[in-house]
Amino acid sequence: MSGTLNKVMLIGNLGDEVKMHYFDDKNCVGRFPIATSESYVSKQKNERITNTEWHNIVVRNKAAEICEKYLKKGDKIYIEGRIKTRKWTDDKGMERYSTEIQCNEFTFLTPKGEQQNASVSQNTTANGTGSEATEAPAINNGNDDLPF
């Protein structure tokens, strides 16, 4: 295989509200954390163990505005994007690194009745364009045309 791939797919719950940052040229960035968890039963103590991993999500422009409008802490969301590590200098002059998920597609998964406001299913591209629907997608547990 001659190419490389940087792709992330996550389903998790928002750990905080979407934080927006606006720029002079009418662009914006939204940031929010999501949590993914895995559970298993410990063989030694026969008790359930849950491990939670936190992911920093970054969305841009129109997609960020949609996330800010419709997402609330605790909502479930599907995120698709790529991993990016940024380097920055803190107030004390120390170099810091932050690993983020640059989101290019997402779908709101919290059912409409479980949100305070109406739920929106949103698929976006990297430039923030997309189409809105008024309901969360149905999950098909039956056979479909997937080759695996």
C-alpha atoms as a PDB file:
ATOM      1  CA  MET A   1       0.000   0.000   0.000  1.00  0.00           C
ATOM      2  CA  SER A   2       1.597   3.256  -1.072  1.00  0.00           C
ATOM      3  CA  GLY A   3      -0.699   5.829   0.582  1.00  0.00           C
ATOM      4  CA  THR A   4      -1.494   6.808   4.130  1.00  0.00           C
ATOM      5  CA  LEU A   5      -4.752   7.325   5.977  1.00  0.00           C
ATOM      6  CA  ASN A   6      -5.681   9.652   8.818  1.00  0.00           C
ATOM      7  CA  LYS A   7      -9.337   8.955   9.634  1.00  0.00           C
ATOM      8  CA  VAL A   8     -11.213   8.877  12.925  1.00  0.00           C
ATOM      9  CA  MET A   9     -14.787   7.754  13.597  1.00  0.00           C
ATOM     10  CA  LEU A  10     -16.205   8.283  17.086  1.00  0.00           C
ATOM     11  CA  ILE A  11     -19.566   7.937  18.785  1.00  0.00           C
ATOM     12  CA  GLY A  12     -19.652   9.638  22.150  1.00  0.00           C
ATOM     13  CA  ASN A  13     -21.331  12.097  24.471  1.00  0.00           C
ATOM     14  CA  LEU A  14     -20.591  15.803  24.791  1.00  0.00           C
ATOM     15  CA  GLY A  15     -18.742  16.649  27.973  1.00  0.00           C
ATOM     16  CA  ASP A  16     -19.401  20.394  27.745  1.00  0.00           C
ATOM     17  CA  GLU A  17     -21.155  23.027  25.657  1.00  0.00           C
ATOM     18  CA  VAL A  18     -19.661  24.077  22.297  1.00  0.00           C
ATOM     19  CA  LYS A  19     -17.171  26.933  22.765  1.00  0.00           C
ATOM     20  CA  MET A  20     -17.106  29.307  19.785  1.00  0.00           C
ATOM     21  CA  HIS A  21     -14.211  31.473  18.589  1.00  0.00           C
ATOM     22  CA  TYR A  22     -14.910  34.094  15.897  1.00  0.00           C
ATOM     23  CA  PHE A  23     -12.341  35.659  13.583  1.00  0.00           C
ATOM     24  CA  ASP A  24     -12.265  38.983  11.683  1.00  0.00           C
ATOM     25  CA  ASP A  25     -12.838  37.427   8.266  1.00  0.00           C
ATOM     26  CA  LYS A  26     -16.257  35.956   9.260  1.00  0.00           C
ATOM     27  CA  ASN A  27     -14.827  32.513   9.970  1.00  0.00           C
ATOM     28  CA  CYS A  28     -15.363  30.669  13.229  1.00  0.00           C
ATOM     29  CA  VAL A  29     -14.236  27.577  15.088  1.00  0.00           C
ATOM     30  CA  GLY A  30     -16.232  25.530  17.571  1.00  0.00           C
ATOM     31  CA  ARG A  31     -14.551  23.284  20.138  1.00  0.00           C
ATOM     32  CA  PHE A  32     -16.051  20.699  22.442  1.00  0.00           C
ATOM     33  CA  PRO A  33     -14.998  17.504  24.209  1.00  0.00           C
ATOM     34  CA  ILE A  34     -16.688  14.154  23.727  1.00  0.00           C
ATOM     35  CA  ALA A  35     -16.290  11.045  25.854  1.00  0.00           C
ATOM     36  CA  THR A  36     -16.128   7.482  24.577  1.00  0.00           C
ATOM     37  CA  SER A  37     -16.265   4.566  27.003  1.00  0.00           C
ATOM     38  CA  GLU A  38     -15.522   0.867  27.016  1.00  0.00           C
ATOM     39  CA  SER A  39     -16.655  -1.603  29.673  1.00  0.00           C
ATOM     40  CA  TYR A  40     -15.503  -5.076  30.577  1.00  0.00           C
ATOM     41  CA  VAL A  41     -15.690  -7.469  33.497  1.00  0.00           C
ATOM     42  CA  SER A  42     -12.460  -7.928  35.463  1.00  0.00           C
ATOM     43  CA  LYS A  43     -11.486 -11.605  35.689  1.00  0.00           C
ATOM     44  CA  GLN A  44      -9.686 -11.116  39.024  1.00  0.00           C
ATOM     45  CA  LYS A  45     -12.463  -9.314  40.936  1.00  0.00           C
ATOM     46  CA  ASN A  46     -15.444 -10.195  38.695  1.00  0.00           C
ATOM     47  CA  GLU A  47     -16.567  -6.546  38.643  1.00  0.00           C
ATOM     48  CA  ARG A  48     -17.440  -4.239  35.767  1.00  0.00           C
ATOM     49  CA  ILE A  49     -14.671  -1.813  34.789  1.00  0.00           C
ATOM     50  CA  THR A  50     -15.398   1.234  32.616  1.00  0.00           C
ATOM     51  CA  ASN A  51     -12.658   3.245  30.926  1.00  0.00           C
ATOM     52  CA  THR A  52     -13.494   6.659  29.487  1.00  0.00           C
ATOM     53  CA  GLU A  53     -11.399   8.432  26.862  1.00  0.00           C
ATOM     54  CA  TRP A  54     -11.818  12.166  26.171  1.00  0.00           C
ATOM     55  CA  HIS A  55     -11.448  13.624  22.669  1.00  0.00           C
ATOM     56  CA  ASN A  56     -11.155  17.315  21.743  1.00  0.00           C
ATOM     57  CA  ILE A  57     -13.335  18.023  18.697  1.00  0.00           C
ATOM     58  CA  VAL A  58     -12.868  21.008  16.365  1.00  0.00           C
ATOM     59  CA  VAL A  59     -15.519  22.080  13.823  1.00  0.00           C
ATOM     60  CA  ARG A  60     -15.350  25.101  11.527  1.00  0.00           C
ATOM     61  CA  ASN A  61     -17.613  27.807  10.093  1.00  0.00           C
ATOM     62  CA  LYS A  62     -21.237  26.804   9.342  1.00  0.00           C
ATOM     63  CA  ALA A  63     -20.778  23.362  10.918  1.00  0.00           C
ATOM     64  CA  ALA A  64     -19.575  25.023  14.132  1.00  0.00           C
ATOM     65  CA  GLU A  65     -22.608  27.319  14.202  1.00  0.00           C
ATOM     66  CA  ILE A  66     -24.954  24.340  13.759  1.00  0.00           C
ATOM     67  CA  CYS A  67     -23.224  22.443  16.578  1.00  0.00           C
ATOM     68  CA  GLU A  68     -23.472  25.464  18.862  1.00  0.00           C
ATOM     69  CA  LYS A  69     -27.187  25.839  18.108  1.00  0.00           C
ATOM     70  CA  TYR A  70     -28.286  22.221  18.528  1.00  0.00           C
ATOM     71  CA  LEU A  71     -25.803  20.412  20.784  1.00  0.00           C
ATOM     72  CA  LYS A  72     -26.018  20.365  24.567  1.00  0.00           C
ATOM     73  CA  LYS A  73     -23.851  18.732  27.216  1.00  0.00           C
ATOM     74  CA  GLY A  74     -24.627  15.004  27.362  1.00  0.00           C
ATOM     75  CA  ASP A  75     -25.911  14.700  23.772  1.00  0.00           C
ATOM     76  CA  LYS A  76     -24.727  11.726  21.743  1.00  0.00           C
ATOM     77  CA  ILE A  77     -22.964  12.457  18.435  1.00  0.00           C
ATOM     78  CA  TYR A  78     -21.183  10.613  15.636  1.00  0.00           C
ATOM     79  CA  ILE A  79     -17.970  12.356  14.549  1.00  0.00           C
ATOM     80  CA  GLU A  80     -15.833  11.655  11.503  1.00  0.00           C
ATOM     81  CA  GLY A  81     -12.593  13.471  10.862  1.00  0.00           C
ATOM     82  CA  ARG A  82      -8.826  13.345  11.182  1.00  0.00           C
ATOM     83  CA  ILE A  83      -6.300  13.599  14.010  1.00  0.00           C
ATOM     84  CA  LYS A  84      -4.228  16.752  14.179  1.00  0.00           C
ATOM     85  CA  THR A  85      -1.644  17.765  16.773  1.00  0.00           C
ATOM     86  CA  ARG A  86      -0.986  21.465  17.250  1.00  0.00           C
ATOM     87  CA  LYS A  87       1.970  23.053  18.922  1.00  0.00           C
ATOM     88  CA  TRP A  88       1.539  26.276  20.921  1.00  0.00           C
ATOM     89  CA  THR A  89       3.322  28.337  23.549  1.00  0.00           C
ATOM     90  CA  ASP A  90       1.666  28.957  26.915  1.00  0.00           C
ATOM     91  CA  ASP A  91       1.809  32.088  29.085  1.00  0.00           C
ATOM     92  CA  LYS A  92       5.060  30.933  30.700  1.00  0.00           C
ATOM     93  CA  GLY A  93       6.814  30.417  27.348  1.00  0.00           C
ATOM     94  CA  MET A  94       6.590  26.617  27.501  1.00  0.00           C
ATOM     95  CA  GLU A  95       5.843  24.710  24.291  1.00  0.00           C
ATOM     96  CA  ARG A  96       2.646  22.687  24.587  1.00  0.00           C
ATOM     97  CA  TYR A  97       0.979  20.146  22.323  1.00  0.00           C
ATOM     98  CA  SER A  98      -2.702  19.457  21.854  1.00  0.00           C
ATOM     99  CA  THR A  99      -4.164  16.528  19.907  1.00  0.00           C
ATOM    100  CA  GLU A 100      -7.565  17.235  18.363  1.00  0.00           C
ATOM    101  CA  ILE A 101     -10.064  15.661  16.008  1.00  0.00           C
ATOM    102  CA  GLN A 102     -10.650  17.965  13.029  1.00  0.00           C
ATOM    103  CA  CYS A 103     -14.278  17.121  12.260  1.00  0.00           C
ATOM    104  CA  ASN A 104     -15.452  17.017   8.649  1.00  0.00           C
ATOM    105  CA  GLU A 105     -18.705  15.062   9.122  1.00  0.00           C
ATOM    106  CA  PHE A 106     -21.070  14.589  12.036  1.00  0.00           C
ATOM    107  CA  THR A 107     -24.522  13.266  12.848  1.00  0.00           C
ATOM    108  CA  PHE A 108     -26.538  14.088  15.957  1.00  0.00           C
ATOM    109  CA  LEU A 109     -27.679  10.833  17.584  1.00  0.00           C
ATOM    110  CA  THR A 110     -29.673  11.981  20.621  1.00  0.00           C
ATOM    111  CA  PRO A 111     -33.356  11.253  19.933  1.00  0.00           C
ATOM    112  CA  LYS A 112     -35.596  14.267  19.480  1.00  0.00           C
ATOM    113  CA  GLY A 113     -37.625  13.619  22.659  1.00  0.00           C
ATOM    114  CA  GLU A 114     -34.499  13.492  24.841  1.00  0.00           C
ATOM    115  CA  GLN A 115     -33.295  16.991  23.895  1.00  0.00           C
ATOM    116  CA  GLN A 116     -34.666  20.272  25.166  1.00  0.00           C
ATOM    117  CA  ASN A 117     -34.602  21.700  21.628  1.00  0.00           C
ATOM    118  CA  ALA A 118     -35.306  19.953  18.326  1.00  0.00           C
ATOM    119  CA  SER A 119     -32.675  17.456  17.210  1.00  0.00           C
ATOM    120  CA  VAL A 120     -30.896  17.894  13.915  1.00  0.00           C
ATOM    121  CA  SER A 121     -29.075  15.319  11.852  1.00  0.00           C
ATOM    122  CA  GLN A 122     -26.235  17.032  10.042  1.00  0.00           C
ATOM    123  CA  ASN A 123     -23.693  15.735   7.560  1.00  0.00           C
ATOM    124  CA  THR A 124     -21.109  18.335   6.652  1.00  0.00           C
ATOM    125  CA  THR A 125     -18.054  18.599   4.511  1.00  0.00           C
ATOM    126  CA  ALA A 126     -14.812  20.282   5.483  1.00  0.00           C
ATOM    127  CA  ASN A 127     -16.046  23.666   4.245  1.00  0.00           C
ATOM    128  CA  GLY A 128     -19.063  23.530   6.562  1.00  0.00           C
ATOM    129  CA  THR A 129     -21.793  23.028   3.995  1.00  0.00           C
ATOM    130  CA  GLY A 130     -24.403  20.350   4.402  1.00  0.00           C
ATOM    131  CA  SER A 131     -28.081  19.635   4.634  1.00  0.00           C
ATOM    132  CA  GLU A 132     -30.276  19.571   7.704  1.00  0.00           C
ATOM    133  CA  ALA A 133     -32.936  17.038   8.610  1.00  0.00           C
ATOM    134  CA  THR A 134     -35.421  17.324  11.447  1.00  0.00           C
ATOM    135  CA  GLU A 135     -34.975  13.852  12.932  1.00  0.00           C
ATOM    136  CA  ALA A 136     -32.078  11.732  14.078  1.00  0.00           C
ATOM    137  CA  PRO A 137     -31.234   8.896  11.666  1.00  0.00           C
ATOM    138  CA  ALA A 138     -32.876   5.522  12.089  1.00  0.00           C
ATOM    139  CA  ILE A 139     -30.538   2.699  12.984  1.00  0.00           C
ATOM    140  CA  ASN A 140     -30.891  -0.274  10.650  1.00  0.00           C
ATOM    141  CA  ASN A 141     -30.148  -3.518  12.490  1.00  0.00           C
ATOM    142  CA  GLY A 142     -31.137  -5.678   9.530  1.00  0.00           C
ATOM    143  CA  ASN A 143     -29.109  -6.882   6.582  1.00  0.00           C
ATOM    144  CA  ASP A 144     -27.919  -4.210   4.216  1.00  0.00           C
ATOM    145  CA  ASP A 145     -25.736  -4.073   1.121  1.00  0.00           C
ATOM    146  CA  LEU A 146     -22.407  -3.882   2.971  1.00  0.00           C
ATOM    147  CA  PRO A 147     -19.818  -6.324   1.635  1.00  0.00           C
ATOM    148  CA  PHE A 148     -18.686  -7.403   5.119  1.00  0.00           C
END
